[in-house]
Amino acid sequence: MSPSASLIDRIESIPKRELYFFALYRLLIAAVIAALLFSPLSTLVGVADHPRLAAVVSCAYLGLSLLILVTGRNERWLRPIVIGSVIVDIIAATLLAHALPGASAGLSMSLLFSIAAAATLLPLSLGMGIALTASAATAGEYLWKLLEGGDPTRTLAELAMFITSYLALAYVSYQVGNRARRNQQLANQRGDEVANLFEINELIIRRMRTGVLVVDGANRITLANEAASTLIGDADGDGGSGRLDLGSAAPDLSRRLQRWRNGWNNEETPLQLSPDQPEVQPRFARLLAGSDLTLVFLDDSTVVSRRAESLTLSAMGRFSASLAHEIRNPLAAINYAAQLLEESTAIGDTDRRLQQIIHQQCQRTNGIVESVLGLARRERANPENLDLAAFVRRFVLEYKQGLSLETDSVEPIITETSVHALIDPRHLHQILTVLVHNALKYGRIAQDPARVRLRVARQDRAAVIDVMDRGPGIPETVANQLFRPFFTTSEHGTGLGLYIARELCRANQARLEYVSVPAGGACFRLILPGPHTMLPQ
């Protein structure tokens, strides 16, 4: 049962208990009166002016009191039950006071509790009405006695005191009951809020992706959320109920926890608690200062690694922005010098061709710097409707002219006259440069020349550029990490080329994928949106 349900059941039982004790008091008074009348102790109540009336009323009062005790505990009928019960008390006390003059004061006093209880349970108007009814009945009994010609057993002062006591007690009891009800409502509201917060906190902890364990001093797991149960291999998730032993569930984690308790705080090596689960980085904390309970947080090391990568990339972006002017200044100087050489008549055609290559490469390098800065600043791409066939031909020609390929070859494969797509030409140039450079570097077997082919084709409503090589291919374990930042298999690589290429593709609503080639080699496929197409990311 949830905490809120048990709280509601406890609150709903309060009116039942009040009605029960109210009826129990009435039964006690009725039993005492009957016992005094029908026992040798009847002299304690004095001489009865109307013995038969006293006997009938006491028996009827005892029977009604017993009936109310058995049946009158339904809180849905609280007002009728309370009002009816007090009316019975008033009638019985009035008749018995008239029949037993010697016990009239005690019977009138017995009504004080009934009036107080009724005023506590009922609204002020009904409580005061009951007090007025009891006052009227007491005054009526006094007049009744006078009309019979007998001597009243009580004086007018006593009568006035009883009437005043009834009214005052009803008002005070209502105020006390009203304050108690407000306090009870406030306590119920706070209890509901606490129960709701408890359930919310429990749901949050249970749904957290970080594993959370609570381990006691005996190394038993007293609480485990779903993530922690999965990480330690507890498929049934009974770590919190079955008091699973941490040493048997996760021995490595248990040993590390013990070392932490002994004062070792410098262990940062991830742990793999279950064969099919990722590695985790444990963190420990005391639950309370004087408690032997320990909180164990199991952070997925891959998430931590991604956070570190994000921070590194953010720092790289800030570094790139600060370095931009330092890179642009020498590029501007080189480009300006090349332009001056172009105007000179003292250089030959061969040197002029070299000067053109310098000028082109300066422009390309400046474009790369701009793209990296745009990526760091998350600038939007400026896509244009490009003819990919013409663009790839021009790119291959410029690439060959800018680099000495010697025995290596880079060739376009274009089967259609024109293939149009939407993409920023600066971004496309940088993407193809990265892919071709990687293909020339890694797409060779031993000392054989590298052969790189750029194939342009249509695919459904999209355009495709495949960059293919004839190398040894890429192992599956490496292929799964190709586009991760800073991942590289080369001692001299940065691991950012393919990552930046894919980010540039995403900025242009394009996709960059690695396609395995069964016959050998590698293929990177660039899928670009057509002039009226947006690709799903």
Protein backbone atom coordinates (compact mmCIF):
# COMPACT_ATOMS: atom_id res chain seq x y z
CA MET A 1 0.00 0.00 0.00
CA SER A 2 1.31 3.45 -0.89
CA PRO A 3 1.94 6.08 1.82
CA SER A 4 -0.88 8.28 0.53
CA ALA A 5 -3.40 5.42 0.62
CA SER A 6 -2.53 4.48 4.21
CA LEU A 7 -2.76 8.16 5.21
CA ILE A 8 -6.24 8.46 3.69
CA ASP A 9 -7.41 5.31 5.48
CA ARG A 10 -6.08 6.68 8.78
CA ILE A 11 -7.85 10.03 8.24
CA GLU A 12 -11.16 8.44 7.27
CA SER A 13 -11.19 6.33 10.46
CA ILE A 14 -11.21 9.41 12.77
CA PRO A 15 -15.02 10.12 12.57
CA LYS A 16 -15.70 6.44 13.19
CA ARG A 17 -13.63 6.50 16.36
CA GLU A 18 -15.34 9.71 17.57
CA LEU A 19 -18.80 8.23 17.00
CA TYR A 20 -17.72 5.02 18.71
CA PHE A 21 -16.48 6.72 21.89
CA PHE A 22 -19.53 9.02 21.91
CA ALA A 23 -21.84 5.98 21.74
CA LEU A 24 -19.71 4.13 24.31
CA TYR A 25 -20.09 7.01 26.80
CA ARG A 26 -23.88 7.01 26.29
CA LEU A 27 -24.02 3.24 26.85
CA LEU A 28 -21.97 3.63 30.02
CA ILE A 29 -24.34 6.30 31.42
CA ALA A 30 -27.41 4.20 30.50
CA ALA A 31 -25.88 1.10 32.10
CA VAL A 32 -25.04 2.95 35.31
CA ILE A 33 -28.59 4.32 35.57
CA ALA A 34 -30.13 0.91 34.93
CA ALA A 35 -27.78 -0.75 37.40
CA LEU A 36 -28.64 1.75 40.11
CA LEU A 37 -32.40 1.36 39.53
CA PHE A 38 -32.53 -2.44 39.40
CA SER A 39 -30.02 -3.28 42.11
CA PRO A 40 -29.85 -3.02 45.90
CA LEU A 41 -28.07 0.33 45.34
CA SER A 42 -31.29 1.99 44.14
CA THR A 43 -31.36 4.08 47.31
CA LEU A 44 -28.41 6.07 45.92
CA VAL A 45 -30.67 7.75 43.39
CA GLY A 46 -33.27 8.69 46.00
CA VAL A 47 -37.00 8.03 46.10
CA ALA A 48 -38.60 7.85 42.68
CA ASP A 49 -41.67 10.01 42.12
CA HIS A 50 -42.60 7.91 39.09
CA PRO A 51 -40.99 4.44 39.47
CA ARG A 52 -42.61 2.94 36.37
CA LEU A 53 -41.54 5.89 34.19
CA ALA A 54 -37.98 5.60 35.51
CA ALA A 55 -37.85 1.87 34.80
CA VAL A 56 -39.27 2.18 31.27
CA VAL A 57 -37.08 5.12 30.31
CA SER A 58 -33.89 3.55 31.72
CA CYS A 59 -34.50 0.28 29.86
CA ALA A 60 -35.39 2.04 26.61
CA TYR A 61 -32.35 4.33 26.97
CA LEU A 62 -30.06 1.33 27.52
CA GLY A 63 -31.48 -0.45 24.48
CA LEU A 64 -31.20 2.59 22.23
CA SER A 65 -27.65 3.25 23.45
CA LEU A 66 -26.65 -0.30 22.60
CA LEU A 67 -28.30 -0.03 19.17
CA ILE A 68 -26.51 3.27 18.42
CA LEU A 69 -23.18 1.76 19.50
CA VAL A 70 -23.62 -1.15 17.10
CA THR A 71 -25.07 0.65 14.06
CA GLY A 72 -24.24 4.34 14.41
CA ARG A 73 -20.63 4.44 13.10
CA ASN A 74 -21.17 5.42 9.46
CA GLU A 75 -19.40 8.76 8.96
CA ARG A 76 -21.54 9.47 5.87
CA TRP A 77 -24.52 9.90 8.26
CA LEU A 78 -22.51 11.82 10.86
CA ARG A 79 -24.93 14.72 11.38
CA PRO A 80 -28.15 12.65 11.63
CA ILE A 81 -26.47 10.18 13.97
CA VAL A 82 -25.07 12.89 16.28
CA ILE A 83 -28.27 14.95 16.31
CA GLY A 84 -30.49 11.90 16.89
CA SER A 85 -28.21 10.57 19.64
CA VAL A 86 -28.14 13.88 21.52
CA ILE A 87 -31.94 14.22 21.22
CA VAL A 88 -32.26 10.75 22.78
CA ASP A 89 -29.88 11.84 25.57
CA ILE A 90 -31.87 15.02 26.22
CA ILE A 91 -35.24 13.21 26.28
CA ALA A 92 -33.92 10.42 28.49
CA ALA A 93 -32.20 12.82 30.91
CA THR A 94 -35.32 15.03 31.14
CA LEU A 95 -37.71 12.13 31.81
CA LEU A 96 -35.36 10.48 34.29
CA ALA A 97 -34.77 13.80 36.09
CA HIS A 98 -38.55 14.19 36.43
CA ALA A 99 -38.97 10.59 37.62
CA LEU A 100 -35.92 10.65 39.93
CA PRO A 101 -35.78 14.09 41.55
CA GLY A 102 -32.81 13.12 43.69
CA ALA A 103 -30.62 12.44 40.62
CA SER A 104 -31.77 15.42 38.55
CA ALA A 105 -28.57 17.41 39.06
CA GLY A 106 -26.37 14.49 38.01
CA LEU A 107 -28.52 13.72 34.98
CA SER A 108 -28.37 17.38 33.87
CA MET A 109 -24.60 17.33 34.28
CA SER A 110 -24.37 14.19 32.12
CA LEU A 111 -25.76 16.24 29.26
CA LEU A 112 -22.71 18.50 29.34
CA PHE A 113 -20.57 15.86 27.62
CA SER A 114 -23.23 15.13 25.00
CA ILE A 115 -23.65 18.83 24.20
CA ALA A 116 -19.87 19.36 24.04
CA ALA A 117 -19.36 16.35 21.75
CA ALA A 118 -22.21 17.42 19.46
CA ALA A 119 -20.91 21.00 19.22
CA THR A 120 -17.45 19.67 18.39
CA LEU A 121 -18.72 17.48 15.55
CA LEU A 122 -21.44 19.79 14.14
CA PRO A 123 -21.55 23.35 12.74
CA LEU A 124 -22.05 26.23 15.17
CA SER A 125 -25.74 26.71 14.35
CA LEU A 126 -26.59 23.05 15.02
CA GLY A 127 -24.42 22.93 18.14
CA MET A 128 -26.08 26.02 19.60
CA GLY A 129 -29.47 24.62 18.60
CA ILE A 130 -28.78 21.44 20.57
CA ALA A 131 -27.65 23.53 23.56
CA LEU A 132 -30.90 25.56 23.36
CA THR A 133 -32.90 22.31 23.10
CA ALA A 134 -31.22 20.96 26.23
CA SER A 135 -31.85 24.27 28.01
CA ALA A 136 -35.50 24.26 26.96
CA ALA A 137 -35.90 20.66 28.12
CA THR A 138 -34.35 21.45 31.50
CA ALA A 139 -36.63 24.48 31.92
CA GLY A 140 -39.63 22.46 30.72
CA GLU A 141 -38.96 19.76 33.32
CA TYR A 142 -38.86 22.47 35.98
CA LEU A 143 -42.24 23.86 34.84
CA TRP A 144 -43.63 20.32 34.57
CA LYS A 145 -42.71 19.74 38.20
CA LEU A 146 -44.42 22.97 39.19
CA LEU A 147 -47.58 22.10 37.28
CA GLU A 148 -47.78 18.73 39.07
CA GLY A 149 -47.81 20.63 42.35
CA GLY A 150 -44.59 19.09 43.62
CA ASP A 151 -41.59 20.86 45.06
CA PRO A 152 -38.83 21.40 42.45
CA THR A 153 -35.57 19.81 43.48
CA ARG A 154 -33.54 22.58 41.86
CA THR A 155 -33.63 26.32 42.31
CA LEU A 156 -33.94 28.96 39.63
CA ALA A 157 -30.25 29.87 40.13
CA GLU A 158 -29.23 26.24 39.50
CA LEU A 159 -31.48 26.16 36.46
CA ALA A 160 -29.91 29.35 35.11
CA MET A 161 -26.42 27.99 35.69
CA PHE A 162 -27.19 24.80 33.77
CA ILE A 163 -28.67 26.75 30.84
CA THR A 164 -25.70 29.13 30.77
CA SER A 165 -23.26 26.17 30.98
CA TYR A 166 -24.99 24.42 28.07
CA LEU A 167 -24.76 27.46 25.80
CA ALA A 168 -21.22 28.44 26.82
CA LEU A 169 -19.93 24.89 26.55
CA ALA A 170 -21.49 24.47 23.11
CA TYR A 171 -19.81 27.65 21.83
CA VAL A 172 -16.40 26.84 23.34
CA SER A 173 -16.55 23.23 22.12
CA TYR A 174 -17.37 24.39 18.61
CA GLN A 175 -14.34 26.74 18.60
CA VAL A 176 -12.06 23.99 19.88
CA GLY A 177 -13.44 21.52 17.38
CA ASN A 178 -13.23 24.01 14.53
CA ARG A 179 -9.59 24.74 15.31
CA ALA A 180 -8.89 21.02 15.61
CA ARG A 181 -10.55 20.43 12.22
CA ARG A 182 -8.47 23.18 10.60
CA ASN A 183 -5.33 21.74 12.11
CA GLN A 184 -6.39 18.31 10.93
CA GLN A 185 -7.03 19.60 7.40
CA LEU A 186 -3.65 21.30 7.39
CA ALA A 187 -2.00 18.14 8.67
CA ASN A 188 -3.83 16.10 6.02
CA GLN A 189 -2.74 18.54 3.31
CA ARG A 190 0.85 18.45 4.48
CA GLY A 191 0.67 14.69 4.74
CA ASP A 192 -0.65 14.42 1.19
CA GLU A 193 2.12 16.75 -0.03
CA VAL A 194 4.75 14.68 1.76
CA ALA A 195 3.29 11.48 0.34
CA ASN A 196 3.22 12.97 -3.16
CA LEU A 197 6.79 14.23 -2.82
CA PHE A 198 7.83 10.80 -1.60
CA GLU A 199 6.25 9.14 -4.62
CA ILE A 200 7.73 11.75 -6.99
CA ASN A 201 11.20 11.33 -5.49
CA GLU A 202 10.87 7.57 -5.66
CA LEU A 203 9.81 7.79 -9.32
CA ILE A 204 12.67 10.15 -10.16
CA ILE A 205 15.23 7.92 -8.47
CA ARG A 206 13.75 4.81 -10.08
CA ARG A 207 13.83 6.39 -13.55
CA MET A 208 17.25 7.99 -13.23
CA ARG A 209 19.75 6.86 -15.83
CA THR A 210 22.43 7.03 -13.14
CA GLY A 211 22.46 3.89 -11.00
CA VAL A 212 21.77 4.54 -7.31
CA LEU A 213 22.44 2.00 -4.55
CA VAL A 214 22.09 2.25 -0.77
CA VAL A 215 24.43 -0.17 0.99
CA ASP A 216 24.40 -0.76 4.76
CA GLY A 217 27.33 -1.50 7.04
CA ALA A 218 26.95 -5.26 6.44
CA ASN A 219 27.45 -4.72 2.70
CA ARG A 220 23.82 -5.49 1.89
CA ILE A 221 21.90 -3.54 -0.76
CA THR A 222 18.90 -1.95 0.95
CA LEU A 223 17.76 0.08 -2.05
CA ALA A 224 18.50 -0.02 -5.78
CA ASN A 225 16.84 1.85 -8.64
CA GLU A 226 16.17 0.27 -12.03
CA ALA A 227 19.41 1.50 -13.61
CA ALA A 228 21.51 0.10 -10.76
CA SER A 229 19.68 -3.24 -10.82
CA THR A 230 20.37 -3.53 -14.54
CA LEU A 231 24.03 -2.58 -14.19
CA ILE A 232 24.73 -5.15 -11.46
CA GLY A 233 22.83 -7.86 -13.33
CA ASP A 234 19.87 -8.05 -10.93
CA ALA A 235 17.23 -8.62 -13.60
CA ASP A 236 14.41 -9.07 -11.07
CA GLY A 237 15.19 -5.73 -9.49
CA ASP A 238 14.83 -7.12 -5.95
CA GLY A 239 17.94 -5.45 -4.62
CA GLY A 240 15.91 -3.25 -2.36
CA SER A 241 13.55 -5.91 -1.02
CA GLY A 242 15.65 -9.05 -0.92
CA ARG A 243 18.67 -7.46 0.81
CA LEU A 244 21.02 -8.66 -1.90
CA ASP A 245 24.64 -8.94 -0.82
CA LEU A 246 26.86 -6.49 -2.73
CA GLY A 247 29.84 -8.82 -2.51
CA SER A 248 28.04 -11.55 -4.44
CA ALA A 249 26.27 -9.21 -6.87
CA ALA A 250 29.26 -7.00 -7.77
CA PRO A 251 32.54 -8.15 -6.15
CA ASP A 252 34.69 -5.45 -7.79
CA LEU A 253 32.33 -2.71 -6.65
CA SER A 254 32.24 -4.20 -3.15
CA ARG A 255 36.03 -4.17 -2.91
CA ARG A 256 36.21 -0.59 -4.14
CA LEU A 257 33.56 0.46 -1.62
CA GLN A 258 35.53 -1.18 1.17
CA ARG A 259 38.69 0.64 0.10
CA TRP A 260 36.75 3.93 0.04
CA ARG A 261 35.55 3.27 3.57
CA ASN A 262 39.18 2.71 4.56
CA GLY A 263 40.15 6.13 3.19
CA TRP A 264 41.17 5.48 -0.45
CA ASN A 265 39.76 8.24 -2.64
CA ASN A 266 41.85 8.25 -5.84
CA GLU A 267 40.38 5.38 -7.87
CA GLU A 268 39.09 6.62 -11.23
CA THR A 269 39.22 3.39 -13.25
CA PRO A 270 35.80 2.42 -14.69
CA LEU A 271 34.26 -0.92 -13.72
CA GLN A 272 32.15 -3.33 -15.76
CA LEU A 273 29.75 -4.92 -13.30
CA SER A 274 27.96 -7.14 -15.82
CA PRO A 275 29.19 -8.61 -19.13
CA ASP A 276 26.38 -7.09 -21.22
CA GLN A 277 26.39 -3.66 -19.56
CA PRO A 278 28.56 -0.58 -20.16
CA GLU A 279 31.39 0.41 -17.88
CA VAL A 280 30.51 2.61 -14.93
CA GLN A 281 32.37 5.12 -12.77
CA PRO A 282 31.41 4.54 -9.10
CA ARG A 283 31.03 7.45 -6.66
CA PHE A 284 30.42 7.05 -2.94
CA ALA A 285 28.87 9.29 -0.28
CA ARG A 286 27.70 8.95 3.32
CA LEU A 287 23.92 9.01 3.60
CA LEU A 288 24.02 10.57 7.09
CA ALA A 289 26.87 11.71 9.28
CA GLY A 290 26.40 9.07 11.96
CA SER A 291 24.94 6.33 9.77
CA ASP A 292 26.61 3.27 8.28
CA LEU A 293 24.49 3.60 5.12
CA THR A 294 26.43 4.51 1.97
CA LEU A 295 25.08 6.00 -1.25
CA VAL A 296 26.68 4.52 -4.36
CA PHE A 297 26.25 6.36 -7.68
CA LEU A 298 27.03 4.40 -10.84
CA ASP A 299 27.68 6.84 -13.69
CA ASP A 300 27.79 5.46 -17.22
CA SER A 301 31.37 6.09 -18.33
CA THR A 302 30.25 6.63 -21.93
CA VAL A 303 28.04 9.53 -20.78
CA VAL A 304 30.94 10.96 -18.80
CA SER A 305 33.16 10.57 -21.86
CA ARG A 306 30.63 12.39 -24.06
CA ARG A 307 30.46 15.22 -21.55
CA ALA A 308 34.25 15.48 -21.61
CA GLU A 309 34.19 15.48 -25.41
CA SER A 310 31.57 18.23 -25.40
CA LEU A 311 33.67 20.34 -23.06
CA THR A 312 36.76 19.70 -25.18
CA LEU A 313 34.94 20.69 -28.36
CA SER A 314 33.62 23.81 -26.69
CA ALA A 315 37.15 24.74 -25.61
CA MET A 316 38.38 23.98 -29.13
CA GLY A 317 35.77 26.33 -30.56
CA ARG A 318 36.87 29.16 -28.28
CA PHE A 319 40.50 28.42 -29.12
CA SER A 320 39.71 28.45 -32.85
CA ALA A 321 38.02 31.84 -32.54
CA SER A 322 41.04 33.33 -30.77
CA LEU A 323 43.41 31.78 -33.33
CA ALA A 324 41.46 32.94 -36.39
CA HIS A 325 43.26 36.25 -36.77
CA GLU A 326 46.66 34.59 -36.32
CA ILE A 327 45.86 32.17 -39.17
CA ARG A 328 44.27 34.76 -41.46
CA ASN A 329 47.10 37.26 -41.25
CA PRO A 330 49.82 35.00 -42.74
CA LEU A 331 47.31 33.67 -45.28
CA ALA A 332 46.52 37.22 -46.35
CA ALA A 333 50.23 38.00 -46.65
CA ILE A 334 50.90 34.87 -48.74
CA ASN A 335 47.91 35.60 -50.98
CA TYR A 336 48.99 39.23 -51.45
CA ALA A 337 52.53 38.14 -52.34
CA ALA A 338 51.13 35.68 -54.88
CA GLN A 339 49.08 38.45 -56.47
CA LEU A 340 52.19 40.63 -56.73
CA LEU A 341 54.08 37.76 -58.37
CA GLU A 342 51.26 37.38 -60.87
CA GLU A 343 51.75 40.99 -61.98
CA SER A 344 55.52 40.51 -62.44
CA THR A 345 56.86 39.96 -66.00
CA ALA A 346 60.07 38.32 -64.74
CA ILE A 347 58.54 34.91 -63.99
CA GLY A 348 58.00 32.19 -66.53
CA ASP A 349 54.92 30.16 -67.33
CA THR A 350 55.95 27.30 -65.02
CA ASP A 351 56.44 29.63 -62.06
CA ARG A 352 53.21 31.41 -62.91
CA ARG A 353 51.43 28.07 -62.69
CA LEU A 354 52.96 27.51 -59.26
CA GLN A 355 51.83 30.97 -58.26
CA GLN A 356 48.26 30.11 -59.24
CA ILE A 357 48.41 26.96 -57.11
CA ILE A 358 49.59 29.05 -54.13
CA HIS A 359 46.72 31.46 -54.65
CA GLN A 360 44.14 28.64 -54.92
CA GLN A 361 45.41 26.85 -51.83
CA CYS A 362 45.39 30.07 -49.82
CA GLN A 363 41.75 30.56 -50.73
CA ARG A 364 40.95 26.94 -49.89
CA THR A 365 42.74 27.15 -46.52
CA ASN A 366 40.90 30.34 -45.69
CA GLY A 367 37.63 28.59 -46.55
CA ILE A 368 38.52 25.72 -44.21
CA VAL A 369 39.22 28.19 -41.39
CA GLU A 370 35.88 29.87 -42.02
CA SER A 371 34.07 26.51 -41.97
CA VAL A 372 35.66 25.43 -38.70
CA LEU A 373 34.79 28.77 -37.13
CA GLY A 374 31.26 28.53 -38.45
CA LEU A 375 30.97 25.06 -36.93
CA ALA A 376 32.25 26.32 -33.56
CA ARG A 377 29.76 29.22 -33.69
CA ARG A 378 27.01 26.94 -35.02
CA GLU A 379 26.44 29.28 -37.97
CA ARG A 380 23.82 28.32 -40.50
CA ALA A 381 24.89 27.00 -43.88
CA ASN A 382 24.13 28.91 -47.05
CA PRO A 383 22.98 26.17 -49.41
CA GLU A 384 22.93 26.71 -53.14
CA ASN A 385 21.49 24.74 -56.01
CA LEU A 386 24.67 23.06 -57.26
CA ASP A 387 25.31 20.85 -60.25
CA LEU A 388 27.22 18.10 -58.48
CA ALA A 389 28.58 16.62 -61.69
CA ALA A 390 30.31 19.86 -62.67
CA PHE A 391 31.35 20.57 -59.07
CA VAL A 392 33.01 17.15 -58.60
CA ARG A 393 34.82 17.42 -61.93
CA ARG A 394 36.17 20.84 -60.97
CA PHE A 395 37.08 19.63 -57.48
CA VAL A 396 39.06 16.66 -58.82
CA LEU A 397 40.90 18.87 -61.29
CA GLU A 398 41.86 21.40 -58.62
CA TYR A 399 42.86 18.65 -56.21
CA LYS A 400 45.18 17.10 -58.75
CA GLN A 401 46.71 20.46 -59.58
CA GLY A 402 47.22 21.37 -55.95
CA LEU A 403 48.85 18.12 -54.84
CA SER A 404 51.47 15.89 -56.38
CA LEU A 405 49.77 12.49 -56.52
CA GLU A 406 52.69 10.68 -58.20
CA THR A 407 51.33 7.14 -58.77
CA ASP A 408 48.07 7.64 -56.87
CA SER A 409 44.93 8.53 -58.79
CA VAL A 410 41.72 10.46 -58.09
CA GLU A 411 39.03 10.17 -60.75
CA PRO A 412 35.37 11.16 -61.04
CA ILE A 413 32.70 8.66 -62.13
CA ILE A 414 29.71 10.56 -63.48
CA THR A 415 27.04 8.70 -65.43
CA GLU A 416 24.56 11.54 -65.80
CA THR A 417 24.90 14.91 -67.41
CA SER A 418 23.83 16.87 -64.33
CA VAL A 419 22.78 16.02 -60.77
CA HIS A 420 21.48 18.94 -58.72
CA ALA A 421 21.46 19.25 -54.93
CA LEU A 422 21.19 21.91 -52.23
CA ILE A 423 24.39 22.42 -50.23
CA ASP A 424 26.83 25.14 -49.25
CA PRO A 425 29.67 24.88 -51.82
CA ARG A 426 32.33 25.81 -49.25
CA HIS A 427 31.13 23.04 -46.96
CA LEU A 428 30.96 20.51 -49.79
CA HIS A 429 34.50 21.38 -50.84
CA GLN A 430 35.77 20.80 -47.30
CA ILE A 431 33.83 17.54 -46.89
CA LEU A 432 35.19 16.10 -50.14
CA THR A 433 38.71 17.25 -49.22
CA VAL A 434 38.55 15.33 -45.93
CA LEU A 435 37.14 12.19 -47.56
CA VAL A 436 39.60 12.16 -50.46
CA HIS A 437 42.55 12.88 -48.18
CA ASN A 438 41.58 9.97 -45.91
CA ALA A 439 41.06 7.68 -48.90
CA LEU A 440 44.52 8.50 -50.29
CA LYS A 441 46.11 8.06 -46.87
CA TYR A 442 44.42 4.83 -45.71
CA GLY A 443 42.98 3.39 -48.94
CA ARG A 444 46.05 1.51 -50.13
CA ILE A 445 47.36 -2.01 -49.63
CA ALA A 446 51.06 -2.18 -48.75
CA GLN A 447 53.00 -0.13 -51.31
CA ASP A 448 50.38 -0.31 -54.07
CA PRO A 449 49.11 3.03 -55.45
CA ALA A 450 45.87 4.37 -54.01
CA ARG A 451 42.92 4.58 -56.37
CA VAL A 452 40.14 6.94 -55.29
CA ARG A 453 36.89 7.31 -57.20
CA LEU A 454 34.19 9.95 -56.71
CA ARG A 455 30.88 8.68 -58.07
CA VAL A 456 27.92 11.05 -58.54
CA ALA A 457 24.43 9.58 -58.98
CA ARG A 458 20.77 10.05 -58.19
CA GLN A 459 19.06 8.00 -55.48
CA ASP A 460 15.29 8.35 -55.34
CA ARG A 461 14.75 12.11 -54.87
CA ALA A 462 18.21 12.72 -53.40
CA ALA A 463 21.70 13.08 -54.83
CA VAL A 464 24.59 10.82 -53.79
CA ILE A 465 28.34 11.25 -53.88
CA ASP A 466 30.36 8.10 -53.09
CA VAL A 467 34.06 8.44 -52.23
CA MET A 468 35.54 4.94 -52.78
CA ASP A 469 38.97 3.42 -52.44
CA ARG A 470 40.56 0.00 -53.04
CA GLY A 471 42.22 -0.30 -49.66
CA PRO A 472 41.96 -2.96 -46.94
CA GLY A 473 38.64 -1.61 -45.67
CA ILE A 474 37.68 -0.61 -42.14
CA PRO A 475 37.11 -3.18 -39.34
CA GLU A 476 33.61 -3.20 -37.84
CA THR A 477 34.88 -2.20 -34.39
CA VAL A 478 36.57 0.87 -35.88
CA ALA A 479 33.66 1.69 -38.21
CA ASN A 480 31.35 2.15 -35.21
CA GLN A 481 33.56 4.97 -33.91
CA LEU A 482 34.57 6.69 -37.15
CA PHE A 483 32.57 9.86 -36.57
CA ARG A 484 33.42 10.31 -32.90
CA PRO A 485 35.50 13.43 -32.20
CA PHE A 486 39.18 12.82 -31.46
CA PHE A 487 38.98 9.18 -32.50
CA THR A 488 41.85 8.26 -34.83
CA THR A 489 43.97 5.24 -35.70
CA SER A 490 46.90 7.37 -36.81
CA GLU A 491 49.66 8.66 -34.59
CA HIS A 492 49.65 11.98 -36.45
CA GLY A 493 45.87 12.46 -36.84
CA THR A 494 43.61 14.69 -34.76
CA GLY A 495 40.43 12.64 -35.09
CA LEU A 496 38.42 15.70 -36.12
CA GLY A 497 38.25 15.38 -39.91
CA LEU A 498 35.30 12.99 -40.22
CA TYR A 499 33.56 14.56 -37.21
CA ILE A 500 33.70 18.04 -38.79
CA ALA A 501 32.64 16.59 -42.16
CA ARG A 502 29.55 14.99 -40.62
CA GLU A 503 28.68 18.16 -38.68
CA LEU A 504 28.93 20.17 -41.89
CA CYS A 505 26.61 17.64 -43.54
CA ARG A 506 24.09 18.04 -40.73
CA ALA A 507 24.26 21.81 -41.10
CA ASN A 508 23.20 21.31 -44.73
CA GLN A 509 20.44 18.76 -43.99
CA ALA A 510 22.62 16.06 -45.56
CA ARG A 511 23.91 12.72 -44.28
CA LEU A 512 27.38 11.18 -44.26
CA GLU A 513 27.52 7.41 -43.88
CA TYR A 514 30.13 4.67 -44.06
CA VAL A 515 29.15 1.86 -46.41
CA SER A 516 30.99 -1.43 -46.17
CA VAL A 517 32.14 -2.92 -49.46
CA PRO A 518 32.06 -6.75 -49.57
CA ALA A 519 34.62 -6.93 -52.37
CA GLY A 520 37.12 -4.85 -50.36
CA GLY A 521 37.88 -1.20 -49.90
CA ALA A 522 35.88 1.52 -48.20
CA CYS A 523 33.05 3.80 -49.29
CA PHE A 524 31.84 7.01 -47.65
CA ARG A 525 28.44 8.03 -48.97
CA LEU A 526 27.28 11.63 -48.94
CA ILE A 527 23.50 11.87 -49.37
CA LEU A 528 22.36 15.39 -50.23
CA PRO A 529 18.86 16.83 -50.52
CA GLY A 530 17.60 17.71 -53.93
CA PRO A 531 16.36 21.21 -54.80
CA HIS A 532 12.92 20.44 -53.29
CA THR A 533 13.81 17.72 -50.79
CA MET A 534 14.66 17.70 -47.07
CA LEU A 535 16.32 14.56 -45.81
CA PRO A 536 15.45 13.06 -42.39
CA GLN A 537 18.28 13.49 -39.93
